[in-house]
Amino acid sequence: MIRLLDLLEEERRKLNQLGEASLKQLIPLSDNPEVQEQSRRVDELVALYDDMKARRNRIAR
């Protein structure tokens, strides 16, 4: 789970960098396919983390 959190944090950093670069170039985030793809990756990792956390909590009960 710690590895997943590290990966999530790394992907979030990438998303932030892409977002900042896009805004500096005056490209709306919604019009930038790289930002959208990276955002989907982050969303998938967040969902995976939430699922793992929920399973872990069910086992602990």
C-alpha atoms as a PDB file:
ATOM      1  CA  MET A   1       0.000   0.000   0.000  1.00  0.00           C
ATOM      2  CA  ILE A   2       2.929   2.330   0.705  1.00  0.00           C
ATOM      3  CA  ARG A   3       4.226   1.690  -2.815  1.00  0.00           C
ATOM      4  CA  LEU A   4       0.823   2.658  -4.208  1.00  0.00           C
ATOM      5  CA  LEU A   5       0.867   5.903  -2.210  1.00  0.00           C
ATOM      6  CA  ASP A   6       4.347   6.694  -3.535  1.00  0.00           C
ATOM      7  CA  LEU A   7       3.186   6.045  -7.097  1.00  0.00           C
ATOM      8  CA  LEU A   8       0.078   8.167  -6.544  1.00  0.00           C
ATOM      9  CA  GLU A   9       2.162  11.045  -5.219  1.00  0.00           C
ATOM     10  CA  GLU A  10       4.540  10.815  -8.190  1.00  0.00           C
ATOM     11  CA  GLU A  11       1.644  10.841 -10.670  1.00  0.00           C
ATOM     12  CA  ARG A  12       0.071  13.821  -8.876  1.00  0.00           C
ATOM     13  CA  ARG A  13       3.353  15.714  -9.199  1.00  0.00           C
ATOM     14  CA  LYS A  14       3.402  14.978 -12.924  1.00  0.00           C
ATOM     15  CA  LEU A  15      -0.182  16.205 -13.208  1.00  0.00           C
ATOM     16  CA  ASN A  16       0.675  19.423 -11.382  1.00  0.00           C
ATOM     17  CA  GLN A  17       3.689  20.021 -13.643  1.00  0.00           C
ATOM     18  CA  LEU A  18       1.629  19.440 -16.775  1.00  0.00           C
ATOM     19  CA  GLY A  19      -1.111  21.694 -15.459  1.00  0.00           C
ATOM     20  CA  GLU A  20       1.285  24.508 -14.632  1.00  0.00           C
ATOM     21  CA  ALA A  21       2.959  24.253 -18.046  1.00  0.00           C
ATOM     22  CA  SER A  22      -0.432  24.279 -19.764  1.00  0.00           C
ATOM     23  CA  LEU A  23      -1.563  27.369 -17.871  1.00  0.00           C
ATOM     24  CA  LYS A  24       1.706  29.176 -18.600  1.00  0.00           C
ATOM     25  CA  GLN A  25       1.049  28.551 -22.295  1.00  0.00           C
ATOM     26  CA  LEU A  26      -2.522  29.833 -21.810  1.00  0.00           C
ATOM     27  CA  ILE A  27      -3.954  26.445 -22.797  1.00  0.00           C
ATOM     28  CA  PRO A  28      -7.086  25.581 -20.789  1.00  0.00           C
ATOM     29  CA  LEU A  29      -6.620  22.386 -18.806  1.00  0.00           C
ATOM     30  CA  SER A  30      -9.718  20.881 -20.394  1.00  0.00           C
ATOM     31  CA  ASP A  31      -8.233  21.419 -23.876  1.00  0.00           C
ATOM     32  CA  ASN A  32      -4.917  19.745 -23.084  1.00  0.00           C
ATOM     33  CA  PRO A  33      -5.031  15.996 -23.834  1.00  0.00           C
ATOM     34  CA  GLU A  34      -1.835  15.316 -21.844  1.00  0.00           C
ATOM     35  CA  VAL A  35      -3.338  16.884 -18.732  1.00  0.00           C
ATOM     36  CA  GLN A  36      -6.575  14.960 -19.228  1.00  0.00           C
ATOM     37  CA  GLU A  37      -4.752  11.634 -19.634  1.00  0.00           C
ATOM     38  CA  GLN A  38      -2.603  12.244 -16.562  1.00  0.00           C
ATOM     39  CA  SER A  39      -5.696  13.233 -14.607  1.00  0.00           C
ATOM     40  CA  ARG A  40      -7.316   9.914 -15.564  1.00  0.00           C
ATOM     41  CA  ARG A  41      -4.221   8.050 -14.328  1.00  0.00           C
ATOM     42  CA  VAL A  42      -4.388   9.859 -11.003  1.00  0.00           C
ATOM     43  CA  ASP A  43      -8.128   9.158 -10.735  1.00  0.00           C
ATOM     44  CA  GLU A  44      -7.529   5.445 -11.358  1.00  0.00           C
ATOM     45  CA  LEU A  45      -4.843   5.305  -8.669  1.00  0.00           C
ATOM     46  CA  VAL A  46      -7.069   7.144  -6.184  1.00  0.00           C
ATOM     47  CA  ALA A  47      -9.884   4.665  -6.880  1.00  0.00           C
ATOM     48  CA  LEU A  48      -7.498   1.743  -6.438  1.00  0.00           C
ATOM     49  CA  TYR A  49      -6.231   3.183  -3.161  1.00  0.00           C
ATOM     50  CA  ASP A  50      -9.791   3.719  -1.909  1.00  0.00           C
ATOM     51  CA  ASP A  51     -10.706   0.123  -2.804  1.00  0.00           C
ATOM     52  CA  MET A  52      -7.645  -1.247  -1.006  1.00  0.00           C
ATOM     53  CA  LYS A  53      -8.368   0.893   2.022  1.00  0.00           C
ATOM     54  CA  ALA A  54     -12.011  -0.245   2.139  1.00  0.00           C
ATOM     55  CA  ARG A  55     -10.997  -3.913   1.878  1.00  0.00           C
ATOM     56  CA  ARG A  56      -8.433  -3.427   4.616  1.00  0.00           C
ATOM     57  CA  ASN A  57     -11.047  -1.832   6.893  1.00  0.00           C
ATOM     58  CA  ARG A  58     -13.512  -4.694   6.287  1.00  0.00           C
ATOM     59  CA  ILE A  59     -10.856  -7.247   7.237  1.00  0.00           C
ATOM     60  CA  ALA A  60      -9.935  -5.326  10.385  1.00  0.00           C
ATOM     61  CA  ARG A  61     -13.496  -5.419  11.701  1.00  0.00           C
END
